[in-house]
């Protein structure tokens, strides 16, 4: 299932959501070389979050192999990696998928928080998402990258703020594609369940690929932090305009 829009208009232009989309795209082009090597592997190694390095569980100099760019732990900027890793991606599909989800769900969450609160919320949930994944595999030498942890936080906020808003999705059934619309709590609840199921194997062993626990942790953080970051005045304004709130 792939969401492509929701029935949820906004009152304001979502400048922070657009800024975050632009920053991620700019990093992909200017720092990651649009996925070309060795810039892709170098950026992931140098700016991605390596759990064992950040948590001090790996000795300095532990090899971290990233394709044609072998590197090692001990980067002087490792303490910044919980933030820098949020703007790194592993490929075109990774980038486009993340930014599409951010657009579909981020504009409405920003509309109920305000711009500064939404930016702080996004960064906070991204850091908490990365922390969840690191806590599951604290000795891992596999770099973590992607905006999906923070975007999961946005989705967690969305399910609290707009549980009954209809989300339109493409459903792929083999070679056939159909469209359906369901309440947000069904679509996002199902997505969250998939992250929990997908993360179960990681409890027993270290694994690369999808950071399921970052997604689950970010989503749970978003559901909780939305009560701190939502702006009651903006929510009342949405209600006056008879918009979902």
C-alpha atoms as a PDB file:
ATOM      1  CA  UNK A   1       0.000   0.000   0.000  1.00  0.00           C
ATOM      2  CA  UNK A   2       1.264   3.452  -0.912  1.00  0.00           C
ATOM      3  CA  UNK A   3      -0.518   6.635   0.250  1.00  0.00           C
ATOM      4  CA  UNK A   4      -0.725   9.366  -2.350  1.00  0.00           C
ATOM      5  CA  UNK A   5      -2.997  11.978  -0.707  1.00  0.00           C
ATOM      6  CA  UNK A   6      -5.343  12.646   2.198  1.00  0.00           C
ATOM      7  CA  UNK A   7      -8.610  14.526   2.606  1.00  0.00           C
ATOM      8  CA  UNK A   8      -7.066  17.083   4.924  1.00  0.00           C
ATOM      9  CA  UNK A   9      -6.582  20.682   3.726  1.00  0.00           C
ATOM     10  CA  UNK A  10      -4.262  23.094   5.502  1.00  0.00           C
ATOM     11  CA  UNK A  11      -4.641  26.741   6.470  1.00  0.00           C
ATOM     12  CA  UNK A  12      -0.994  27.714   5.947  1.00  0.00           C
ATOM     13  CA  UNK A  13       1.763  26.961   3.488  1.00  0.00           C
ATOM     14  CA  UNK A  14       3.890  24.219   5.137  1.00  0.00           C
ATOM     15  CA  UNK A  15       7.203  26.018   4.790  1.00  0.00           C
ATOM     16  CA  UNK A  16       9.100  23.793   7.245  1.00  0.00           C
ATOM     17  CA  UNK A  17       7.897  20.622   5.542  1.00  0.00           C
ATOM     18  CA  UNK A  18       9.014  22.064   2.209  1.00  0.00           C
ATOM     19  CA  UNK A  19      12.333  23.141   3.764  1.00  0.00           C
ATOM     20  CA  UNK A  20      12.985  19.642   5.105  1.00  0.00           C
ATOM     21  CA  UNK A  21      12.175  18.110   1.735  1.00  0.00           C
ATOM     22  CA  UNK A  22      14.529  20.588   0.069  1.00  0.00           C
ATOM     23  CA  UNK A  23      17.345  19.953   2.563  1.00  0.00           C
ATOM     24  CA  UNK A  24      17.137  16.199   2.104  1.00  0.00           C
ATOM     25  CA  UNK A  25      17.163  16.590  -1.668  1.00  0.00           C
ATOM     26  CA  UNK A  26      20.081  19.041  -1.532  1.00  0.00           C
ATOM     27  CA  UNK A  27      22.138  16.716   0.671  1.00  0.00           C
ATOM     28  CA  UNK A  28      21.453  13.864  -1.731  1.00  0.00           C
ATOM     29  CA  UNK A  29      22.709  15.920  -4.669  1.00  0.00           C
ATOM     30  CA  UNK A  30      25.543  17.937  -3.141  1.00  0.00           C
ATOM     31  CA  UNK A  31      26.970  15.577  -0.513  1.00  0.00           C
ATOM     32  CA  UNK A  32      25.915  12.117  -1.624  1.00  0.00           C
ATOM     33  CA  UNK A  33      26.519  12.673  -5.313  1.00  0.00           C
ATOM     34  CA  UNK A  34      23.017  11.432  -6.220  1.00  0.00           C
ATOM     35  CA  UNK A  35      24.036   7.923  -5.203  1.00  0.00           C
ATOM     36  CA  UNK A  36      27.292   7.698  -7.138  1.00  0.00           C
ATOM     37  CA  UNK A  37      30.344   6.036  -5.628  1.00  0.00           C
ATOM     38  CA  UNK A  38      32.489   6.621  -3.714  1.00  0.00           C
ATOM     39  CA  UNK A  39      30.550   9.668  -2.443  1.00  0.00           C
ATOM     40  CA  UNK A  40      27.509   7.625  -1.417  1.00  0.00           C
ATOM     41  CA  UNK A  41      29.466   5.166   0.733  1.00  0.00           C
ATOM     42  CA  UNK A  42      31.720   7.904   2.117  1.00  0.00           C
ATOM     43  CA  UNK A  43      28.757  10.042   3.209  1.00  0.00           C
ATOM     44  CA  UNK A  44      27.004   7.113   4.875  1.00  0.00           C
ATOM     45  CA  UNK A  45      30.152   6.096   6.715  1.00  0.00           C
ATOM     46  CA  UNK A  46      31.130   9.589   7.821  1.00  0.00           C
ATOM     47  CA  UNK A  47      27.678  11.060   8.552  1.00  0.00           C
ATOM     48  CA  UNK A  48      25.566   7.991   9.310  1.00  0.00           C
ATOM     49  CA  UNK A  49      24.878   6.879  12.864  1.00  0.00           C
ATOM     50  CA  UNK A  50      26.932   3.847  13.945  1.00  0.00           C
ATOM     51  CA  UNK A  51      25.311   2.636  17.195  1.00  0.00           C
ATOM     52  CA  UNK A  52      28.415   1.022  18.664  1.00  0.00           C
ATOM     53  CA  UNK A  53      30.461   4.146  17.998  1.00  0.00           C
ATOM     54  CA  UNK A  54      27.964   6.626  19.471  1.00  0.00           C
ATOM     55  CA  UNK A  55      27.362   4.449  22.537  1.00  0.00           C
ATOM     56  CA  UNK A  56      31.091   3.819  23.073  1.00  0.00           C
ATOM     57  CA  UNK A  57      30.716   0.071  22.618  1.00  0.00           C
ATOM     58  CA  UNK A  58      33.198  -0.234  19.739  1.00  0.00           C
ATOM     59  CA  UNK A  59      36.929   0.529  20.002  1.00  0.00           C
ATOM     60  CA  UNK A  60      38.229   3.425  17.932  1.00  0.00           C
ATOM     61  CA  UNK A  61      39.420   2.066  14.620  1.00  0.00           C
ATOM     62  CA  UNK A  62      36.831  -0.710  14.288  1.00  0.00           C
ATOM     63  CA  UNK A  63      36.448  -1.373  10.540  1.00  0.00           C
ATOM     64  CA  UNK A  64      33.203  -0.235   8.958  1.00  0.00           C
ATOM     65  CA  UNK A  65      33.031  -1.436   5.375  1.00  0.00           C
ATOM     66  CA  UNK A  66      30.852   0.653   3.081  1.00  0.00           C
ATOM     67  CA  UNK A  67      31.127  -0.746  -0.439  1.00  0.00           C
ATOM     68  CA  UNK A  68      34.161   0.716  -2.194  1.00  0.00           C
ATOM     69  CA  UNK A  69      34.811   3.106   0.703  1.00  0.00           C
ATOM     70  CA  UNK A  70      36.271   1.205   3.674  1.00  0.00           C
ATOM     71  CA  UNK A  71      36.348   3.299   6.818  1.00  0.00           C
ATOM     72  CA  UNK A  72      36.540   2.899  10.574  1.00  0.00           C
ATOM     73  CA  UNK A  73      35.017   4.204  13.764  1.00  0.00           C
ATOM     74  CA  UNK A  74      36.498   7.189  15.551  1.00  0.00           C
ATOM     75  CA  UNK A  75      35.075  10.105  13.604  1.00  0.00           C
ATOM     76  CA  UNK A  76      35.377  13.362  15.595  1.00  0.00           C
ATOM     77  CA  UNK A  77      31.859  14.317  14.466  1.00  0.00           C
ATOM     78  CA  UNK A  78      30.226  11.035  15.535  1.00  0.00           C
ATOM     79  CA  UNK A  79      28.354  12.857  18.318  1.00  0.00           C
ATOM     80  CA  UNK A  80      26.470  14.790  15.614  1.00  0.00           C
ATOM     81  CA  UNK A  81      25.450  11.675  13.705  1.00  0.00           C
ATOM     82  CA  UNK A  82      21.979  11.336  15.325  1.00  0.00           C
ATOM     83  CA  UNK A  83      21.134  14.544  13.429  1.00  0.00           C
ATOM     84  CA  UNK A  84      23.285  14.238  10.306  1.00  0.00           C
ATOM     85  CA  UNK A  85      22.099  10.690   9.670  1.00  0.00           C
ATOM     86  CA  UNK A  86      18.540  12.016   9.297  1.00  0.00           C
ATOM     87  CA  UNK A  87      19.533  13.741   6.068  1.00  0.00           C
ATOM     88  CA  UNK A  88      21.440  10.826   4.499  1.00  0.00           C
ATOM     89  CA  UNK A  89      19.841   8.201   2.261  1.00  0.00           C
ATOM     90  CA  UNK A  90      20.933   4.919   0.732  1.00  0.00           C
ATOM     91  CA  UNK A  91      19.359   5.242  -2.715  1.00  0.00           C
ATOM     92  CA  UNK A  92      16.843   6.992  -4.927  1.00  0.00           C
ATOM     93  CA  UNK A  93      13.874   4.907  -3.801  1.00  0.00           C
ATOM     94  CA  UNK A  94      14.838   5.419  -0.154  1.00  0.00           C
ATOM     95  CA  UNK A  95      14.932   9.182  -0.661  1.00  0.00           C
ATOM     96  CA  UNK A  96      11.795   9.529  -2.790  1.00  0.00           C
ATOM     97  CA  UNK A  97       9.706   7.241  -0.572  1.00  0.00           C
ATOM     98  CA  UNK A  98      10.677   9.116   2.585  1.00  0.00           C
ATOM     99  CA  UNK A  99      10.056  12.562   1.127  1.00  0.00           C
ATOM    100  CA  UNK A 100       6.701  11.530  -0.314  1.00  0.00           C
ATOM    101  CA  UNK A 101       5.502  10.300   3.089  1.00  0.00           C
ATOM    102  CA  UNK A 102       6.804  13.522   4.650  1.00  0.00           C
ATOM    103  CA  UNK A 103       4.756  15.595   2.223  1.00  0.00           C
ATOM    104  CA  UNK A 104       1.538  13.574   2.610  1.00  0.00           C
ATOM    105  CA  UNK A 105       1.563  13.663   6.415  1.00  0.00           C
ATOM    106  CA  UNK A 106       3.903  16.506   7.393  1.00  0.00           C
ATOM    107  CA  UNK A 107       1.944  19.472   6.066  1.00  0.00           C
ATOM    108  CA  UNK A 108      -1.053  18.806   8.312  1.00  0.00           C
ATOM    109  CA  UNK A 109       1.034  18.120  11.412  1.00  0.00           C
ATOM    110  CA  UNK A 110       2.889  21.385  10.820  1.00  0.00           C
ATOM    111  CA  UNK A 111      -0.483  23.103  10.441  1.00  0.00           C
ATOM    112  CA  UNK A 112      -1.434  22.023  13.983  1.00  0.00           C
ATOM    113  CA  UNK A 113       1.923  22.784  15.602  1.00  0.00           C
ATOM    114  CA  UNK A 114       3.272  25.863  13.910  1.00  0.00           C
ATOM    115  CA  UNK A 115       6.575  26.052  12.093  1.00  0.00           C
ATOM    116  CA  UNK A 116       9.140  26.247  14.897  1.00  0.00           C
ATOM    117  CA  UNK A 117       7.391  23.654  17.042  1.00  0.00           C
ATOM    118  CA  UNK A 118       7.125  21.312  14.069  1.00  0.00           C
ATOM    119  CA  UNK A 119      10.841  21.640  13.284  1.00  0.00           C
ATOM    120  CA  UNK A 120      11.800  20.877  16.886  1.00  0.00           C
ATOM    121  CA  UNK A 121       9.317  18.000  16.962  1.00  0.00           C
ATOM    122  CA  UNK A 122      10.764  16.534  13.763  1.00  0.00           C
ATOM    123  CA  UNK A 123      14.339  16.633  15.075  1.00  0.00           C
ATOM    124  CA  UNK A 124      13.342  15.263  18.488  1.00  0.00           C
ATOM    125  CA  UNK A 125      11.447  12.287  17.101  1.00  0.00           C
ATOM    126  CA  UNK A 126      14.254  11.568  14.644  1.00  0.00           C
ATOM    127  CA  UNK A 127      16.794  11.439  17.480  1.00  0.00           C
ATOM    128  CA  UNK A 128      14.521   9.258  19.622  1.00  0.00           C
ATOM    129  CA  UNK A 129      13.922   6.943  16.664  1.00  0.00           C
ATOM    130  CA  UNK A 130      17.658   6.500  16.135  1.00  0.00           C
ATOM    131  CA  UNK A 131      18.116   5.953  19.866  1.00  0.00           C
ATOM    132  CA  UNK A 132      15.529   3.159  19.810  1.00  0.00           C
ATOM    133  CA  UNK A 133      17.330   1.332  17.009  1.00  0.00           C
ATOM    134  CA  UNK A 134      20.702   1.828  18.715  1.00  0.00           C
ATOM    135  CA  UNK A 135      19.336   0.447  21.983  1.00  0.00           C
ATOM    136  CA  UNK A 136      18.207  -2.724  20.195  1.00  0.00           C
ATOM    137  CA  UNK A 137      21.648  -3.294  18.602  1.00  0.00           C
ATOM    138  CA  UNK A 138      24.096  -1.302  20.778  1.00  0.00           C
ATOM    139  CA  UNK A 139      27.207  -3.067  19.439  1.00  0.00           C
ATOM    140  CA  UNK A 140      26.309  -2.602  15.776  1.00  0.00           C
ATOM    141  CA  UNK A 141      28.938  -1.298  13.346  1.00  0.00           C
ATOM    142  CA  UNK A 142      26.341  -0.861  10.590  1.00  0.00           C
ATOM    143  CA  UNK A 143      25.655   2.817   9.795  1.00  0.00           C
ATOM    144  CA  UNK A 144      22.046   3.993  10.051  1.00  0.00           C
ATOM    145  CA  UNK A 145      20.779   6.622   7.622  1.00  0.00           C
ATOM    146  CA  UNK A 146      17.485   8.070   6.514  1.00  0.00           C
ATOM    147  CA  UNK A 147      14.715  10.479   7.429  1.00  0.00           C
ATOM    148  CA  UNK A 148      12.265   7.657   8.075  1.00  0.00           C
ATOM    149  CA  UNK A 149      12.637   7.727  11.870  1.00  0.00           C
ATOM    150  CA  UNK A 150      11.634  11.390  12.035  1.00  0.00           C
ATOM    151  CA  UNK A 151       8.911  10.875   9.437  1.00  0.00           C
ATOM    152  CA  UNK A 152       7.591   7.977  11.511  1.00  0.00           C
ATOM    153  CA  UNK A 153       7.275  10.505  14.339  1.00  0.00           C
ATOM    154  CA  UNK A 154       5.252  12.736  12.043  1.00  0.00           C
ATOM    155  CA  UNK A 155       2.994   9.782  11.231  1.00  0.00           C
ATOM    156  CA  UNK A 156       2.594   9.038  14.941  1.00  0.00           C
ATOM    157  CA  UNK A 157       1.475  12.627  15.501  1.00  0.00           C
ATOM    158  CA  UNK A 158      -0.895  12.406  12.546  1.00  0.00           C
ATOM    159  CA  UNK A 159      -2.716   9.360  13.917  1.00  0.00           C
ATOM    160  CA  UNK A 160      -3.350  11.259  17.177  1.00  0.00           C
ATOM    161  CA  UNK A 161      -4.370  14.534  15.534  1.00  0.00           C
ATOM    162  CA  UNK A 162      -6.380  13.209  12.573  1.00  0.00           C
ATOM    163  CA  UNK A 163      -7.367   9.584  13.224  1.00  0.00           C
ATOM    164  CA  UNK A 164     -10.511   9.651  11.072  1.00  0.00           C
ATOM    165  CA  UNK A 165      -9.198  11.561   8.067  1.00  0.00           C
ATOM    166  CA  UNK A 166      -9.377   9.458   4.905  1.00  0.00           C
ATOM    167  CA  UNK A 167      -6.048   8.527   3.352  1.00  0.00           C
ATOM    168  CA  UNK A 168      -6.063   7.538  -0.317  1.00  0.00           C
ATOM    169  CA  UNK A 169      -3.727   4.702  -1.248  1.00  0.00           C
ATOM    170  CA  UNK A 170      -2.548   2.677  -4.203  1.00  0.00           C
ATOM    171  CA  UNK A 171      -2.772  -1.053  -3.543  1.00  0.00           C
ATOM    172  CA  UNK A 172      -0.602  -3.361  -5.642  1.00  0.00           C
ATOM    173  CA  UNK A 173      -2.142  -6.786  -6.314  1.00  0.00           C
ATOM    174  CA  UNK A 174       0.402  -8.518  -8.495  1.00  0.00           C
ATOM    175  CA  UNK A 175       0.192  -6.821 -11.885  1.00  0.00           C
ATOM    176  CA  UNK A 176      -3.012  -5.016 -10.910  1.00  0.00           C
ATOM    177  CA  UNK A 177      -3.207  -1.685  -9.119  1.00  0.00           C
ATOM    178  CA  UNK A 178      -6.299  -0.395  -7.374  1.00  0.00           C
ATOM    179  CA  UNK A 179      -7.134   2.600  -5.200  1.00  0.00           C
ATOM    180  CA  UNK A 180      -8.761   2.632  -1.797  1.00  0.00           C
ATOM    181  CA  UNK A 181      -9.393   5.242   0.905  1.00  0.00           C
ATOM    182  CA  UNK A 182      -9.401   4.337   4.593  1.00  0.00           C
ATOM    183  CA  UNK A 183      -9.304   6.281   7.885  1.00  0.00           C
ATOM    184  CA  UNK A 184      -5.811   7.286   8.936  1.00  0.00           C
ATOM    185  CA  UNK A 185      -5.938   5.173  12.079  1.00  0.00           C
ATOM    186  CA  UNK A 186      -6.367   2.018   9.969  1.00  0.00           C
ATOM    187  CA  UNK A 187      -3.617   2.816   7.473  1.00  0.00           C
ATOM    188  CA  UNK A 188      -1.107   4.076  10.035  1.00  0.00           C
ATOM    189  CA  UNK A 189      -2.021   1.464  12.633  1.00  0.00           C
ATOM    190  CA  UNK A 190      -1.428  -1.281  10.060  1.00  0.00           C
ATOM    191  CA  UNK A 191       1.889   0.320   9.079  1.00  0.00           C
ATOM    192  CA  UNK A 192       2.991   0.470  12.730  1.00  0.00           C
ATOM    193  CA  UNK A 193       2.097  -3.199  13.207  1.00  0.00           C
ATOM    194  CA  UNK A 194       4.258  -4.110  10.214  1.00  0.00           C
ATOM    195  CA  UNK A 195       7.215  -2.290  11.779  1.00  0.00           C
ATOM    196  CA  UNK A 196       6.804  -4.222  15.041  1.00  0.00           C
ATOM    197  CA  UNK A 197       6.596  -7.544  13.213  1.00  0.00           C
ATOM    198  CA  UNK A 198       9.518  -6.676  10.970  1.00  0.00           C
ATOM    199  CA  UNK A 199      11.639  -5.686  13.963  1.00  0.00           C
ATOM    200  CA  UNK A 200      11.220  -8.963  15.865  1.00  0.00           C
ATOM    201  CA  UNK A 201      14.197 -10.730  14.167  1.00  0.00           C
ATOM    202  CA  UNK A 202      16.468  -7.820  15.139  1.00  0.00           C
ATOM    203  CA  UNK A 203      15.837  -8.612  18.807  1.00  0.00           C
ATOM    204  CA  UNK A 204      17.769 -11.860  18.363  1.00  0.00           C
ATOM    205  CA  UNK A 205      20.547 -10.771  16.027  1.00  0.00           C
ATOM    206  CA  UNK A 206      22.107  -7.748  14.381  1.00  0.00           C
ATOM    207  CA  UNK A 207      20.828  -7.105  10.901  1.00  0.00           C
ATOM    208  CA  UNK A 208      21.162  -4.491   8.213  1.00  0.00           C
ATOM    209  CA  UNK A 209      18.480  -3.276   5.836  1.00  0.00           C
ATOM    210  CA  UNK A 210      15.329  -1.614   7.149  1.00  0.00           C
ATOM    211  CA  UNK A 211      15.618  -0.063  10.617  1.00  0.00           C
ATOM    212  CA  UNK A 212      12.229  -1.308  11.819  1.00  0.00           C
ATOM    213  CA  UNK A 213      12.792  -0.324  15.445  1.00  0.00           C
ATOM    214  CA  UNK A 214      13.729   3.212  14.435  1.00  0.00           C
ATOM    215  CA  UNK A 215      10.376   3.408  12.659  1.00  0.00           C
ATOM    216  CA  UNK A 216       8.495   1.966  15.629  1.00  0.00           C
ATOM    217  CA  UNK A 217      10.363   4.138  18.125  1.00  0.00           C
ATOM    218  CA  UNK A 218       9.821   7.283  16.089  1.00  0.00           C
ATOM    219  CA  UNK A 219       6.120   6.520  15.683  1.00  0.00           C
ATOM    220  CA  UNK A 220       5.640   5.941  19.421  1.00  0.00           C
ATOM    221  CA  UNK A 221       7.633   9.097  20.225  1.00  0.00           C
ATOM    222  CA  UNK A 222       5.460  11.082  17.839  1.00  0.00           C
ATOM    223  CA  UNK A 223       2.264   9.817  19.463  1.00  0.00           C
ATOM    224  CA  UNK A 224       3.504  10.987  22.850  1.00  0.00           C
ATOM    225  CA  UNK A 225       5.307  14.214  21.962  1.00  0.00           C
ATOM    226  CA  UNK A 226       2.418  15.547  19.890  1.00  0.00           C
ATOM    227  CA  UNK A 227       0.659  16.438  23.153  1.00  0.00           C
ATOM    228  CA  UNK A 228       3.616  18.651  24.059  1.00  0.00           C
ATOM    229  CA  UNK A 229       4.161  20.237  20.647  1.00  0.00           C
ATOM    230  CA  UNK A 230       0.657  20.749  19.295  1.00  0.00           C
ATOM    231  CA  UNK A 231      -0.561  24.349  19.384  1.00  0.00           C
ATOM    232  CA  UNK A 232      -4.070  24.651  20.896  1.00  0.00           C
ATOM    233  CA  UNK A 233      -4.640  28.010  19.193  1.00  0.00           C
ATOM    234  CA  UNK A 234      -3.911  26.546  15.757  1.00  0.00           C
ATOM    235  CA  UNK A 235      -6.121  23.546  16.451  1.00  0.00           C
ATOM    236  CA  UNK A 236      -8.981  25.853  17.472  1.00  0.00           C
ATOM    237  CA  UNK A 237      -8.469  27.831  14.292  1.00  0.00           C
ATOM    238  CA  UNK A 238      -8.737  24.666  12.223  1.00  0.00           C
ATOM    239  CA  UNK A 239     -11.975  23.811  14.013  1.00  0.00           C
ATOM    240  CA  UNK A 240     -13.383  27.251  13.282  1.00  0.00           C
ATOM    241  CA  UNK A 241     -12.705  26.607   9.596  1.00  0.00           C
ATOM    242  CA  UNK A 242     -14.284  23.149   9.999  1.00  0.00           C
ATOM    243  CA  UNK A 243     -11.070  21.374   9.167  1.00  0.00           C
ATOM    244  CA  UNK A 244     -10.082  18.075  10.838  1.00  0.00           C
ATOM    245  CA  UNK A 245      -8.399  18.606  14.209  1.00  0.00           C
END
